[in-house]
């Protein structure tokens, strides 16, 4: 779903009344730049952690990645998480 289609027209106005901010972030592109489209979910987790008000501190998420992922996937998932956190400052907010 495109953000532009959400943010324009009556549906967009209703959505703006329901939420504080709408963030436009191309998670698929970020994951592809990291070389693995399957890490989109970890990129999203990083974005959520960076928005604020997320119930788990970043350091605990990274600790959990280290404890729960296979050793060969730890670094790529930590990079995906960090890239998600960084991407929030670069995104368009409606």
Protein backbone atom coordinates (compact mmCIF):
# COMPACT_ATOMS: atom_id res chain seq x y z
CA UNK A 1 0.00 0.00 0.00
CA UNK A 2 1.38 3.38 -0.93
CA UNK A 3 1.48 6.10 1.72
CA UNK A 4 0.41 8.68 -0.86
CA UNK A 5 -2.84 6.81 -1.45
CA UNK A 6 -3.46 6.66 2.31
CA UNK A 7 -2.65 10.28 3.03
CA UNK A 8 -4.80 11.78 0.28
CA UNK A 9 -8.55 12.05 0.22
CA UNK A 10 -11.14 11.24 2.88
CA UNK A 11 -9.49 8.00 4.04
CA UNK A 12 -6.24 9.88 4.59
CA UNK A 13 -7.97 12.55 6.65
CA UNK A 14 -9.66 9.90 8.81
CA UNK A 15 -6.33 8.15 9.33
CA UNK A 16 -4.67 11.42 10.34
CA UNK A 17 -7.35 11.87 13.01
CA UNK A 18 -6.59 8.39 14.39
CA UNK A 19 -2.81 8.44 14.55
CA UNK A 20 -0.19 10.97 15.58
CA UNK A 21 2.22 10.47 12.66
CA UNK A 22 2.42 8.47 9.46
CA UNK A 23 5.97 7.45 8.53
CA UNK A 24 6.99 6.69 4.97
CA UNK A 25 9.86 4.20 5.01
CA UNK A 26 10.79 1.75 2.25
CA UNK A 27 11.67 -1.27 4.39
CA UNK A 28 12.05 -3.52 1.37
CA UNK A 29 14.71 -1.20 -0.08
CA UNK A 30 16.61 -1.00 3.22
CA UNK A 31 16.65 -4.80 3.54
CA UNK A 32 17.75 -5.19 -0.09
CA UNK A 33 20.61 -2.72 0.48
CA UNK A 34 21.73 -4.96 3.32
CA UNK A 35 21.64 -7.89 0.91
CA UNK A 36 18.76 -9.87 2.40
CA UNK A 37 15.09 -9.19 1.81
CA UNK A 38 14.18 -11.68 4.57
CA UNK A 39 15.37 -9.26 7.28
CA UNK A 40 12.60 -6.75 6.64
CA UNK A 41 10.95 -7.71 9.93
CA UNK A 42 14.09 -6.82 11.89
CA UNK A 43 14.33 -3.49 10.05
CA UNK A 44 10.73 -2.83 11.12
CA UNK A 45 11.60 -3.75 14.69
CA UNK A 46 14.38 -1.14 14.60
CA UNK A 47 11.97 1.48 13.31
CA UNK A 48 9.47 0.70 16.07
CA UNK A 49 12.20 0.87 18.71
CA UNK A 50 13.31 4.27 17.40
CA UNK A 51 9.84 5.85 17.34
CA UNK A 52 9.71 6.05 21.12
CA UNK A 53 7.42 4.54 23.65
CA UNK A 54 8.45 1.03 22.61
CA UNK A 55 8.35 -1.19 25.71
CA UNK A 56 11.78 -2.79 25.18
CA UNK A 57 15.08 -0.90 25.20
CA UNK A 58 17.32 -1.22 22.14
CA UNK A 59 20.13 -2.87 24.09
CA UNK A 60 17.79 -5.70 25.13
CA UNK A 61 16.64 -6.23 21.56
CA UNK A 62 20.25 -6.54 20.40
CA UNK A 63 20.94 -8.89 23.31
CA UNK A 64 17.95 -11.00 22.27
CA UNK A 65 19.17 -11.16 18.67
CA UNK A 66 22.55 -12.40 19.92
CA UNK A 67 20.91 -15.05 22.11
CA UNK A 68 18.23 -16.30 19.71
CA UNK A 69 19.64 -16.15 16.20
CA UNK A 70 21.98 -18.63 14.60
CA UNK A 71 25.58 -17.31 14.82
CA UNK A 72 25.80 -16.87 11.05
CA UNK A 73 22.75 -14.54 11.08
CA UNK A 74 23.53 -12.43 14.16
CA UNK A 75 25.56 -9.69 12.47
CA UNK A 76 23.16 -9.20 9.56
CA UNK A 77 20.19 -8.96 11.90
CA UNK A 78 21.92 -6.49 14.22
CA UNK A 79 22.80 -4.38 11.16
CA UNK A 80 19.17 -4.58 10.00
CA UNK A 81 17.93 -3.50 13.43
CA UNK A 82 20.37 -0.58 13.58
CA UNK A 83 19.54 0.47 10.02
CA UNK A 84 15.87 0.50 10.97
CA UNK A 85 16.64 2.72 13.96
CA UNK A 86 18.67 5.08 11.76
CA UNK A 87 16.09 5.20 8.97
CA UNK A 88 13.49 6.86 11.16
CA UNK A 89 15.47 10.10 11.17
CA UNK A 90 15.59 10.05 7.35
CA UNK A 91 11.94 9.30 6.63
CA UNK A 92 9.10 11.52 5.56
CA UNK A 93 6.50 12.17 8.25
CA UNK A 94 2.92 13.08 7.37
